[in-house]
PDB file of N, CA and C in Angstrom:
ATOM      1  N   UNK A   1      70.599 100.860  98.966  1.00  0.00           N
ATOM      2  CA  UNK A   1      71.148 101.608 100.214  1.00  0.00           C
ATOM      3  C   UNK A   1      70.007 101.833 101.141  1.00  0.00           C
ATOM      4  N   UNK A   2      70.129 101.544 102.515  1.00  0.00           N
ATOM      5  CA  UNK A   2      69.038 101.678 103.412  1.00  0.00           C
ATOM      6  C   UNK A   2      68.891 103.138 103.842  1.00  0.00           C
ATOM      7  N   UNK A   3      67.763 103.624 104.321  1.00  0.00           N
ATOM      8  CA  UNK A   3      67.547 104.859 104.801  1.00  0.00           C
ATOM      9  C   UNK A   3      68.343 105.049 106.063  1.00  0.00           C
ATOM     10  N   UNK A   4      68.609 104.094 106.822  1.00  0.00           N
ATOM     11  CA  UNK A   4      69.394 104.084 108.075  1.00  0.00           C
ATOM     12  C   UNK A   4      70.912 104.362 107.770  1.00  0.00           C
ATOM     13  N   UNK A   5      71.329 104.163 106.469  1.00  0.00           N
ATOM     14  CA  UNK A   5      72.771 104.247 106.040  1.00  0.00           C
ATOM     15  C   UNK A   5      72.933 105.785 105.577  1.00  0.00           C
ATOM     16  N   UNK A   6      71.948 106.544 105.437  1.00  0.00           N
ATOM     17  CA  UNK A   6      72.089 107.835 105.004  1.00  0.00           C
ATOM     18  C   UNK A   6      72.575 108.773 106.150  1.00  0.00           C
ATOM     19  N   UNK A   7      73.606 109.621 105.766  1.00  0.00           N
ATOM     20  CA  UNK A   7      74.287 110.519 106.772  1.00  0.00           C
ATOM     21  C   UNK A   7      74.304 111.830 106.041  1.00  0.00           C
ATOM     22  N   UNK A   8      74.804 112.922 106.751  1.00  0.00           N
ATOM     23  CA  UNK A   8      75.008 114.121 106.255  1.00  0.00           C
ATOM     24  C   UNK A   8      76.098 114.125 105.062  1.00  0.00           C
ATOM     25  N   UNK A   9      76.223 115.141 104.245  1.00  0.00           N
ATOM     26  CA  UNK A   9      77.242 115.290 103.198  1.00  0.00           C
ATOM     27  C   UNK A   9      78.536 115.082 103.960  1.00  0.00           C
ATOM     28  N   UNK A  10      79.394 114.291 103.223  1.00  0.00           N
ATOM     29  CA  UNK A  10      80.662 113.931 103.711  1.00  0.00           C
ATOM     30  C   UNK A  10      81.567 115.113 103.599  1.00  0.00           C
ATOM     31  N   UNK A  11      81.281 116.108 102.675  1.00  0.00           N
ATOM     32  CA  UNK A  11      82.291 117.182 102.618  1.00  0.00           C
ATOM     33  C   UNK A  11      81.754 118.436 103.515  1.00  0.00           C
ATOM     34  N   UNK A  12      80.580 118.944 103.428  1.00  0.00           N
ATOM     35  CA  UNK A  12      79.975 120.096 104.123  1.00  0.00           C
ATOM     36  C   UNK A  12      79.200 119.777 105.331  1.00  0.00           C
ATOM     37  N   UNK A  13      78.967 118.480 105.628  1.00  0.00           N
ATOM     38  CA  UNK A  13      78.224 118.088 106.691  1.00  0.00           C
ATOM     39  C   UNK A  13      76.778 118.623 106.687  1.00  0.00           C
ATOM     40  N   UNK A  14      76.348 119.159 105.520  1.00  0.00           N
ATOM     41  CA  UNK A  14      74.849 119.539 105.342  1.00  0.00           C
ATOM     42  C   UNK A  14      74.003 118.417 104.965  1.00  0.00           C
ATOM     43  N   UNK A  15      72.725 118.711 104.957  1.00  0.00           N
ATOM     44  CA  UNK A  15      71.791 117.729 104.565  1.00  0.00           C
ATOM     45  C   UNK A  15      71.870 117.221 103.220  1.00  0.00           C
ATOM     46  N   UNK A  16      71.482 116.123 102.907  1.00  0.00           N
ATOM     47  CA  UNK A  16      71.405 115.586 101.492  1.00  0.00           C
ATOM     48  C   UNK A  16      69.881 115.931 101.084  1.00  0.00           C
ATOM     49  N   UNK A  17      69.563 117.155 100.719  1.00  0.00           N
ATOM     50  CA  UNK A  17      68.346 117.732 100.653  1.00  0.00           C
ATOM     51  C   UNK A  17      67.667 117.199  99.276  1.00  0.00           C
ATOM     52  N   UNK A  18      66.471 117.375  99.273  1.00  0.00           N
ATOM     53  CA  UNK A  18      65.622 117.149  98.002  1.00  0.00           C
ATOM     54  C   UNK A  18      65.827 115.598  97.507  1.00  0.00           C
ATOM     55  N   UNK A  19      66.267 114.700  98.301  1.00  0.00           N
ATOM     56  CA  UNK A  19      66.275 113.352  97.931  1.00  0.00           C
ATOM     57  C   UNK A  19      67.197 112.999  96.734  1.00  0.00           C
ATOM     58  N   UNK A  20      68.004 114.009  96.325  1.00  0.00           N
ATOM     59  CA  UNK A  20      68.903 113.919  95.207  1.00  0.00           C
ATOM     60  C   UNK A  20      70.407 114.167  95.510  1.00  0.00           C
ATOM     61  N   UNK A  21      71.146 113.168  95.646  1.00  0.00           N
ATOM     62  CA  UNK A  21      72.458 113.314  95.960  1.00  0.00           C
ATOM     63  C   UNK A  21      73.422 112.355  95.293  1.00  0.00           C
ATOM     64  N   UNK A  22      74.686 112.436  95.472  1.00  0.00           N
ATOM     65  CA  UNK A  22      75.694 111.559  94.737  1.00  0.00           C
ATOM     66  C   UNK A  22      76.355 110.562  95.795  1.00  0.00           C
ATOM     67  N   UNK A  23      76.568 109.375  95.308  1.00  0.00           N
ATOM     68  CA  UNK A  23      77.198 108.342  95.995  1.00  0.00           C
ATOM     69  C   UNK A  23      78.542 108.217  95.204  1.00  0.00           C
ATOM     70  N   UNK A  24      79.655 108.447  95.825  1.00  0.00           N
ATOM     71  CA  UNK A  24      80.950 108.413  95.040  1.00  0.00           C
ATOM     72  C   UNK A  24      81.779 107.368  95.703  1.00  0.00           C
ATOM     73  N   UNK A  25      82.240 106.270  94.956  1.00  0.00           N
ATOM     74  CA  UNK A  25      83.081 105.244  95.443  1.00  0.00           C
ATOM     75  C   UNK A  25      84.551 105.457  94.766  1.00  0.00           C
ATOM     76  N   UNK A  26      85.501 105.379  95.752  1.00  0.00           N
ATOM     77  CA  UNK A  26      86.826 105.586  95.358  1.00  0.00           C
ATOM     78  C   UNK A  26      87.620 104.306  95.864  1.00  0.00           C
ATOM     79  N   UNK A  27      88.736 103.867  95.085  1.00  0.00           N
ATOM     80  CA  UNK A  27      89.533 102.885  95.377  1.00  0.00           C
ATOM     81  C   UNK A  27      90.834 103.076  94.751  1.00  0.00           C
ATOM     82  N   UNK A  28      91.903 102.586  95.299  1.00  0.00           N
ATOM     83  CA  UNK A  28      93.235 102.555  94.688  1.00  0.00           C
ATOM     84  C   UNK A  28      93.277 101.390  93.647  1.00  0.00           C
ATOM     85  N   UNK A  29      94.002 101.648  92.647  1.00  0.00           N
ATOM     86  CA  UNK A  29      94.160 100.558  91.544  1.00  0.00           C
ATOM     87  C   UNK A  29      95.706 100.507  91.296  1.00  0.00           C
ATOM     88  N   UNK A  30      96.027  99.287  90.760  1.00  0.00           N
ATOM     89  CA  UNK A  30      97.421  98.902  90.501  1.00  0.00           C
ATOM     90  C   UNK A  30      97.558  98.247  89.079  1.00  0.00           C
ATOM     91  N   UNK A  31      98.486  98.720  88.349  1.00  0.00           N
ATOM     92  CA  UNK A  31      98.886  98.018  86.983  1.00  0.00           C
ATOM     93  C   UNK A  31      99.710  96.971  87.425  1.00  0.00           C
ATOM     94  N   UNK A  32      99.238  95.692  86.826  1.00  0.00           N
ATOM     95  CA  UNK A  32     100.186  94.482  87.125  1.00  0.00           C
ATOM     96  C   UNK A  32     101.060  94.450  85.951  1.00  0.00           C
ATOM     97  N   UNK A  33     102.507  94.530  86.300  1.00  0.00           N
ATOM     98  CA  UNK A  33     103.487  94.660  85.271  1.00  0.00           C
ATOM     99  C   UNK A  33     103.548  93.471  84.284  1.00  0.00           C
ATOM    100  N   UNK A  34     103.475  92.317  84.847  1.00  0.00           N
ATOM    101  CA  UNK A  34     103.688  91.110  84.079  1.00  0.00           C
ATOM    102  C   UNK A  34     102.574  90.958  83.074  1.00  0.00           C
ATOM    103  N   UNK A  35     101.344  91.151  83.550  1.00  0.00           N
ATOM    104  CA  UNK A  35     100.084  91.025  82.698  1.00  0.00           C
ATOM    105  C   UNK A  35     100.162  92.230  81.621  1.00  0.00           C
ATOM    106  N   UNK A  36     100.455  93.380  82.106  1.00  0.00           N
ATOM    107  CA  UNK A  36     100.513  94.592  81.228  1.00  0.00           C
ATOM    108  C   UNK A  36     101.586  94.315  79.984  1.00  0.00           C
ATOM    109  N   UNK A  37     102.828  93.736  80.336  1.00  0.00           N
ATOM    110  CA  UNK A  37     103.777  93.431  79.448  1.00  0.00           C
ATOM    111  C   UNK A  37     103.218  92.218  78.435  1.00  0.00           C
ATOM    112  N   UNK A  38     102.546  91.395  78.868  1.00  0.00           N
ATOM    113  CA  UNK A  38     102.039  90.245  77.989  1.00  0.00           C
ATOM    114  C   UNK A  38     101.011  90.841  77.043  1.00  0.00           C
ATOM    115  N   UNK A  39     100.161  91.715  77.489  1.00  0.00           N
ATOM    116  CA  UNK A  39      99.125  92.352  76.507  1.00  0.00           C
ATOM    117  C   UNK A  39      99.618  93.214  75.594  1.00  0.00           C
ATOM    118  N   UNK A  40     100.534  94.166  76.140  1.00  0.00           N
ATOM    119  CA  UNK A  40     101.201  95.116  75.226  1.00  0.00           C
ATOM    120  C   UNK A  40     102.157  94.370  74.265  1.00  0.00           C
ATOM    121  N   UNK A  41     102.786  93.312  74.641  1.00  0.00           N
ATOM    122  CA  UNK A  41     103.785  92.651  73.774  1.00  0.00           C
ATOM    123  C   UNK A  41     102.841  92.062  72.622  1.00  0.00           C
ATOM    124  N   UNK A  42     101.731  91.463  72.830  1.00  0.00           N
ATOM    125  CA  UNK A  42     100.900  90.869  71.829  1.00  0.00           C
ATOM    126  C   UNK A  42     100.334  91.879  70.918  1.00  0.00           C
ATOM    127  N   UNK A  43      99.927  93.021  71.574  1.00  0.00           N
ATOM    128  CA  UNK A  43      99.368  94.137  70.798  1.00  0.00           C
ATOM    129  C   UNK A  43     100.459  94.743  69.751  1.00  0.00           C
ATOM    130  N   UNK A  44     101.721  94.783  70.303  1.00  0.00           N
ATOM    131  CA  UNK A  44     102.779  95.105  69.490  1.00  0.00           C
ATOM    132  C   UNK A  44     103.017  94.140  68.294  1.00  0.00           C
ATOM    133  N   UNK A  45     102.868  92.938  68.661  1.00  0.00           N
ATOM    134  CA  UNK A  45     103.028  91.872  67.596  1.00  0.00           C
ATOM    135  C   UNK A  45     101.980  91.947  66.483  1.00  0.00           C
ATOM    136  N   UNK A  46     100.888  92.366  66.928  1.00  0.00           N
ATOM    137  CA  UNK A  46      99.780  92.544  65.921  1.00  0.00           C
ATOM    138  C   UNK A  46      99.796  93.874  65.164  1.00  0.00           C
ATOM    139  N   UNK A  47     100.704  94.692  65.622  1.00  0.00           N
ATOM    140  CA  UNK A  47     101.029  95.972  64.822  1.00  0.00           C
ATOM    141  C   UNK A  47     100.185  97.111  65.213  1.00  0.00           C
ATOM    142  N   UNK A  48      99.575  97.176  66.371  1.00  0.00           N
ATOM    143  CA  UNK A  48      98.791  98.262  66.841  1.00  0.00           C
ATOM    144  C   UNK A  48      97.698  98.690  65.813  1.00  0.00           C
ATOM    145  N   UNK A  49      97.140  97.759  64.995  1.00  0.00           N
ATOM    146  CA  UNK A  49      96.025  97.917  64.173  1.00  0.00           C
ATOM    147  C   UNK A  49      94.827  97.846  64.878  1.00  0.00           C
ATOM    148  N   UNK A  50      93.756  98.583  64.269  1.00  0.00           N
ATOM    149  CA  UNK A  50      92.448  98.521  65.026  1.00  0.00           C
ATOM    150  C   UNK A  50      92.089  97.084  65.242  1.00  0.00           C
ATOM    151  N   UNK A  51      91.591  96.907  66.521  1.00  0.00           N
ATOM    152  CA  UNK A  51      91.250  95.521  66.974  1.00  0.00           C
ATOM    153  C   UNK A  51      92.348  94.688  67.631  1.00  0.00           C
ATOM    154  N   UNK A  52      93.647  95.205  67.508  1.00  0.00           N
ATOM    155  CA  UNK A  52      94.842  94.612  67.974  1.00  0.00           C
ATOM    156  C   UNK A  52      94.818  94.332  69.486  1.00  0.00           C
ATOM    157  N   UNK A  53      94.467  95.532  70.191  1.00  0.00           N
ATOM    158  CA  UNK A  53      94.322  95.297  71.540  1.00  0.00           C
ATOM    159  C   UNK A  53      93.300  94.406  72.114  1.00  0.00           C
ATOM    160  N   UNK A  54      92.099  94.323  71.404  1.00  0.00           N
ATOM    161  CA  UNK A  54      90.973  93.364  71.821  1.00  0.00           C
ATOM    162  C   UNK A  54      91.579  91.950  71.417  1.00  0.00           C
ATOM    163  N   UNK A  55      92.217  91.682  70.349  1.00  0.00           N
ATOM    164  CA  UNK A  55      92.757  90.388  70.138  1.00  0.00           C
ATOM    165  C   UNK A  55      93.726  90.046  71.148  1.00  0.00           C
ATOM    166  N   UNK A  56      94.700  90.867  71.537  1.00  0.00           N
ATOM    167  CA  UNK A  56      95.812  90.674  72.360  1.00  0.00           C
ATOM    168  C   UNK A  56      95.170  90.335  73.766  1.00  0.00           C
ATOM    169  N   UNK A  57      94.158  90.943  74.099  1.00  0.00           N
ATOM    170  CA  UNK A  57      93.371  90.562  75.440  1.00  0.00           C
ATOM    171  C   UNK A  57      92.779  89.306  75.470  1.00  0.00           C
ATOM    172  N   UNK A  58      92.413  88.789  74.236  1.00  0.00           N
ATOM    173  CA  UNK A  58      91.810  87.497  74.243  1.00  0.00           C
ATOM    174  C   UNK A  58      92.813  86.460  74.238  1.00  0.00           C
ATOM    175  N   UNK A  59      93.991  86.752  73.786  1.00  0.00           N
ATOM    176  CA  UNK A  59      95.120  85.671  73.606  1.00  0.00           C
ATOM    177  C   UNK A  59      96.073  85.678  74.717  1.00  0.00           C
ATOM    178  N   UNK A  60      96.022  86.874  75.542  1.00  0.00           N
ATOM    179  CA  UNK A  60      96.976  86.836  76.651  1.00  0.00           C
ATOM    180  C   UNK A  60      96.609  85.869  77.743  1.00  0.00           C
ATOM    181  N   UNK A  61      97.620  85.351  78.506  1.00  0.00           N
ATOM    182  CA  UNK A  61      97.176  84.476  79.622  1.00  0.00           C
ATOM    183  C   UNK A  61      96.369  85.286  80.708  1.00  0.00           C
ATOM    184  N   UNK A  62      96.622  86.438  80.917  1.00  0.00           N
ATOM    185  CA  UNK A  62      95.832  87.192  81.896  1.00  0.00           C
ATOM    186  C   UNK A  62      95.492  88.607  81.322  1.00  0.00           C
ATOM    187  N   UNK A  63      94.321  88.839  80.892  1.00  0.00           N
ATOM    188  CA  UNK A  63      93.865  89.988  80.376  1.00  0.00           C
ATOM    189  C   UNK A  63      93.558  91.187  81.394  1.00  0.00           C
ATOM    190  N   UNK A  64      93.490  90.786  82.599  1.00  0.00           N
ATOM    191  CA  UNK A  64      93.069  91.829  83.650  1.00  0.00           C
ATOM    192  C   UNK A  64      94.436  92.428  84.152  1.00  0.00           C
ATOM    193  N   UNK A  65      94.804  93.549  83.403  1.00  0.00           N
ATOM    194  CA  UNK A  65      96.038  94.200  83.567  1.00  0.00           C
ATOM    195  C   UNK A  65      95.987  95.216  84.881  1.00  0.00           C
ATOM    196  N   UNK A  66      94.741  95.658  85.240  1.00  0.00           N
ATOM    197  CA  UNK A  66      94.749  96.478  86.231  1.00  0.00           C
ATOM    198  C   UNK A  66      93.808  95.910  87.383  1.00  0.00           C
ATOM    199  N   UNK A  67      94.403  95.876  88.551  1.00  0.00           N
ATOM    200  CA  UNK A  67      93.720  95.361  89.721  1.00  0.00           C
ATOM    201  C   UNK A  67      93.164  96.530  90.516  1.00  0.00           C
ATOM    202  N   UNK A  68      91.824  96.566  90.670  1.00  0.00           N
ATOM    203  CA  UNK A  68      91.164  97.571  91.569  1.00  0.00           C
ATOM    204  C   UNK A  68      90.911  96.898  92.971  1.00  0.00           C
ATOM    205  N   UNK A  69      91.597  97.503  93.949  1.00  0.00           N
ATOM    206  CA  UNK A  69      91.733  96.889  95.282  1.00  0.00           C
ATOM    207  C   UNK A  69      90.266  96.789  95.902  1.00  0.00           C
ATOM    208  N   UNK A  70      89.360  97.696  95.693  1.00  0.00           N
ATOM    209  CA  UNK A  70      88.110  97.723  96.165  1.00  0.00           C
ATOM    210  C   UNK A  70      87.188  96.666  95.622  1.00  0.00           C
ATOM    211  N   UNK A  71      87.551  96.242  94.442  1.00  0.00           N
ATOM    212  CA  UNK A  71      86.770  95.034  93.619  1.00  0.00           C
ATOM    213  C   UNK A  71      87.327  93.888  94.388  1.00  0.00           C
ATOM    214  N   UNK A  72      88.511  93.783  94.778  1.00  0.00           N
ATOM    215  CA  UNK A  72      88.995  92.478  95.497  1.00  0.00           C
ATOM    216  C   UNK A  72      88.494  92.343  96.954  1.00  0.00           C
ATOM    217  N   UNK A  73      88.522  93.550  97.563  1.00  0.00           N
ATOM    218  CA  UNK A  73      88.220  93.513  98.961  1.00  0.00           C
ATOM    219  C   UNK A  73      87.328  94.781  99.174  1.00  0.00           C
ATOM    220  N   UNK A  74      85.956  94.533  99.358  1.00  0.00           N
ATOM    221  CA  UNK A  74      85.087  95.730  99.346  1.00  0.00           C
ATOM    222  C   UNK A  74      85.458  96.814 100.559  1.00  0.00           C
ATOM    223  N   UNK A  75      86.011  96.269 101.621  1.00  0.00           N
ATOM    224  CA  UNK A  75      86.453  97.216 102.677  1.00  0.00           C
ATOM    225  C   UNK A  75      87.499  98.174 102.393  1.00  0.00           C
ATOM    226  N   UNK A  76      88.065  97.984 101.186  1.00  0.00           N
ATOM    227  CA  UNK A  76      89.132  98.854 100.756  1.00  0.00           C
ATOM    228  C   UNK A  76      88.556 100.003  99.840  1.00  0.00           C
ATOM    229  N   UNK A  77      87.287  99.869  99.593  1.00  0.00           N
ATOM    230  CA  UNK A  77      86.487 100.863  98.787  1.00  0.00           C
ATOM    231  C   UNK A  77      86.069 101.968  99.745  1.00  0.00           C
ATOM    232  N   UNK A  78      86.312 103.234  99.434  1.00  0.00           N
ATOM    233  CA  UNK A  78      85.860 104.371 100.299  1.00  0.00           C
ATOM    234  C   UNK A  78      84.604 104.849  99.579  1.00  0.00           C
ATOM    235  N   UNK A  79      83.593 105.126 100.444  1.00  0.00           N
ATOM    236  CA  UNK A  79      82.238 105.661  99.836  1.00  0.00           C
ATOM    237  C   UNK A  79      81.839 106.954 100.382  1.00  0.00           C
ATOM    238  N   UNK A  80      81.615 107.930  99.574  1.00  0.00           N
ATOM    239  CA  UNK A  80      81.168 109.245 100.050  1.00  0.00           C
ATOM    240  C   UNK A  80      79.757 109.597  99.528  1.00  0.00           C
ATOM    241  N   UNK A  81      79.103 110.328 100.412  1.00  0.00           N
ATOM    242  CA  UNK A  81      77.757 110.869 100.034  1.00  0.00           C
ATOM    243  C   UNK A  81      77.998 112.395 100.060  1.00  0.00           C
ATOM    244  N   UNK A  82      77.623 112.861  98.777  1.00  0.00           N
ATOM    245  CA  UNK A  82      77.801 114.393  98.481  1.00  0.00           C
ATOM    246  C   UNK A  82      76.416 114.887  98.104  1.00  0.00           C
ATOM    247  N   UNK A  83      76.277 116.079  98.805  1.00  0.00           N
ATOM    248  CA  UNK A  83      75.080 116.971  98.322  1.00  0.00           C
ATOM    249  C   UNK A  83      75.332 117.424  96.861  1.00  0.00           C
ATOM    250  N   UNK A  84      74.402 118.003  96.311  1.00  0.00           N
ATOM    251  CA  UNK A  84      74.477 118.651  94.832  1.00  0.00           C
ATOM    252  C   UNK A  84      75.566 119.683  94.780  1.00  0.00           C
ATOM    253  N   UNK A  85      75.485 120.550  95.862  1.00  0.00           N
ATOM    254  CA  UNK A  85      76.295 121.650  95.769  1.00  0.00           C
ATOM    255  C   UNK A  85      77.935 121.325  95.826  1.00  0.00           C
ATOM    256  N   UNK A  86      78.154 120.434  96.770  1.00  0.00           N
ATOM    257  CA  UNK A  86      79.496 119.849  96.938  1.00  0.00           C
ATOM    258  C   UNK A  86      79.990 119.038  95.764  1.00  0.00           C
ATOM    259  N   UNK A  87      79.005 118.302  95.051  1.00  0.00           N
ATOM    260  CA  UNK A  87      79.456 117.507  93.893  1.00  0.00           C
ATOM    261  C   UNK A  87      79.840 118.528  92.827  1.00  0.00           C
ATOM    262  N   UNK A  88      79.207 119.519  92.726  1.00  0.00           N
ATOM    263  CA  UNK A  88      79.471 120.597  91.612  1.00  0.00           C
ATOM    264  C   UNK A  88      80.696 121.519  91.744  1.00  0.00           C
ATOM    265  N   UNK A  89      81.289 121.461  93.032  1.00  0.00           N
ATOM    266  CA  UNK A  89      82.474 122.240  93.290  1.00  0.00           C
ATOM    267  C   UNK A  89      83.638 121.333  93.247  1.00  0.00           C
ATOM    268  N   UNK A  90      84.784 121.971  93.142  1.00  0.00           N
ATOM    269  CA  UNK A  90      86.108 121.188  93.073  1.00  0.00           C
ATOM    270  C   UNK A  90      86.367 120.643  94.559  1.00  0.00           C
ATOM    271  N   UNK A  91      86.825 119.443  94.692  1.00  0.00           N
ATOM    272  CA  UNK A  91      86.993 118.565  95.908  1.00  0.00           C
ATOM    273  C   UNK A  91      88.392 118.067  95.904  1.00  0.00           C
ATOM    274  N   UNK A  92      88.902 118.010  97.041  1.00  0.00           N
ATOM    275  CA  UNK A  92      90.170 117.333  97.305  1.00  0.00           C
ATOM    276  C   UNK A  92      89.857 115.913  97.914  1.00  0.00           C
ATOM    277  N   UNK A  93      90.070 114.859  97.051  1.00  0.00           N
ATOM    278  CA  UNK A  93      89.678 113.663  97.434  1.00  0.00           C
ATOM    279  C   UNK A  93      90.480 113.063  98.726  1.00  0.00           C
ATOM    280  N   UNK A  94      91.829 113.502  98.640  1.00  0.00           N
ATOM    281  CA  UNK A  94      92.546 113.038  99.885  1.00  0.00           C
ATOM    282  C   UNK A  94      92.144 113.699 101.190  1.00  0.00           C
ATOM    283  N   UNK A  95      91.749 114.830 101.132  1.00  0.00           N
ATOM    284  CA  UNK A  95      91.173 115.590 102.389  1.00  0.00           C
ATOM    285  C   UNK A  95      89.870 114.944 102.681  1.00  0.00           C
ATOM    286  N   UNK A  96      89.030 114.681 101.732  1.00  0.00           N
ATOM    287  CA  UNK A  96      87.750 114.084 101.967  1.00  0.00           C
ATOM    288  C   UNK A  96      87.851 112.623 102.518  1.00  0.00           C
ATOM    289  N   UNK A  97      88.815 111.891 102.045  1.00  0.00           N
ATOM    290  CA  UNK A  97      89.090 110.474 102.720  1.00  0.00           C
ATOM    291  C   UNK A  97      89.604 110.584 104.011  1.00  0.00           C
ATOM    292  N   UNK A  98      90.424 111.614 104.423  1.00  0.00           N
ATOM    293  CA  UNK A  98      90.914 111.714 105.709  1.00  0.00           C
ATOM    294  C   UNK A  98      89.796 112.071 106.695  1.00  0.00           C
ATOM    295  N   UNK A  99      88.934 113.063 106.141  1.00  0.00           N
ATOM    296  CA  UNK A  99      87.760 113.429 107.041  1.00  0.00           C
ATOM    297  C   UNK A  99      86.851 112.287 107.277  1.00  0.00           C
ATOM    298  N   UNK A 100      86.558 111.511 106.234  1.00  0.00           N
ATOM    299  CA  UNK A 100      85.658 110.425 106.426  1.00  0.00           C
ATOM    300  C   UNK A 100      86.320 109.378 107.288  1.00  0.00           C
ATOM    301  N   UNK A 101      87.476 109.030 107.235  1.00  0.00           N
ATOM    302  CA  UNK A 101      88.204 108.053 107.941  1.00  0.00           C
ATOM    303  C   UNK A 101      88.099 108.384 109.562  1.00  0.00           C
ATOM    304  N   UNK A 102      88.345 109.669 109.729  1.00  0.00           N
ATOM    305  CA  UNK A 102      88.339 110.262 111.159  1.00  0.00           C
ATOM    306  C   UNK A 102      86.868 110.181 111.706  1.00  0.00           C
ATOM    307  N   UNK A 103      85.965 110.374 110.939  1.00  0.00           N
ATOM    308  CA  UNK A 103      84.545 110.243 111.267  1.00  0.00           C
ATOM    309  C   UNK A 103      84.221 108.864 111.708  1.00  0.00           C
ATOM    310  N   UNK A 104      84.694 107.876 110.827  1.00  0.00           N
ATOM    311  CA  UNK A 104      84.350 106.454 111.073  1.00  0.00           C
ATOM    312  C   UNK A 104      85.010 105.930 112.437  1.00  0.00           C
ATOM    313  N   UNK A 105      86.289 106.392 112.712  1.00  0.00           N
ATOM    314  CA  UNK A 105      86.979 106.024 113.736  1.00  0.00           C
ATOM    315  C   UNK A 105      86.478 106.637 115.200  1.00  0.00           C
ATOM    316  N   UNK A 106      85.717 107.734 115.064  1.00  0.00           N
ATOM    317  CA  UNK A 106      85.190 108.349 116.239  1.00  0.00           C
ATOM    318  C   UNK A 106      84.172 107.743 116.898  1.00  0.00           C
TER     319      UNK A 106
END
């Protein structure tokens, strides 16, 4: 991350003081039903024994059961910079996303 990319805390708009802050990346994800059924079907076939899931993932046609949208298209990943105080208190991610989106479009 470049120094020019630093901005105030996305939650409180305060400074990211002392050079120590958090970068939090958030993205939606989706379970792919067909791949899920294939992996879980094989896991069931192997009897849910220790190691059955790992074996099922190796043998399934598609072991990637969960698609993270931000991994596919980086522009779908939302990134937040949070000061230490905001990171340690409860946050509403939906409100934070809305606040960040409004700031980017302004």
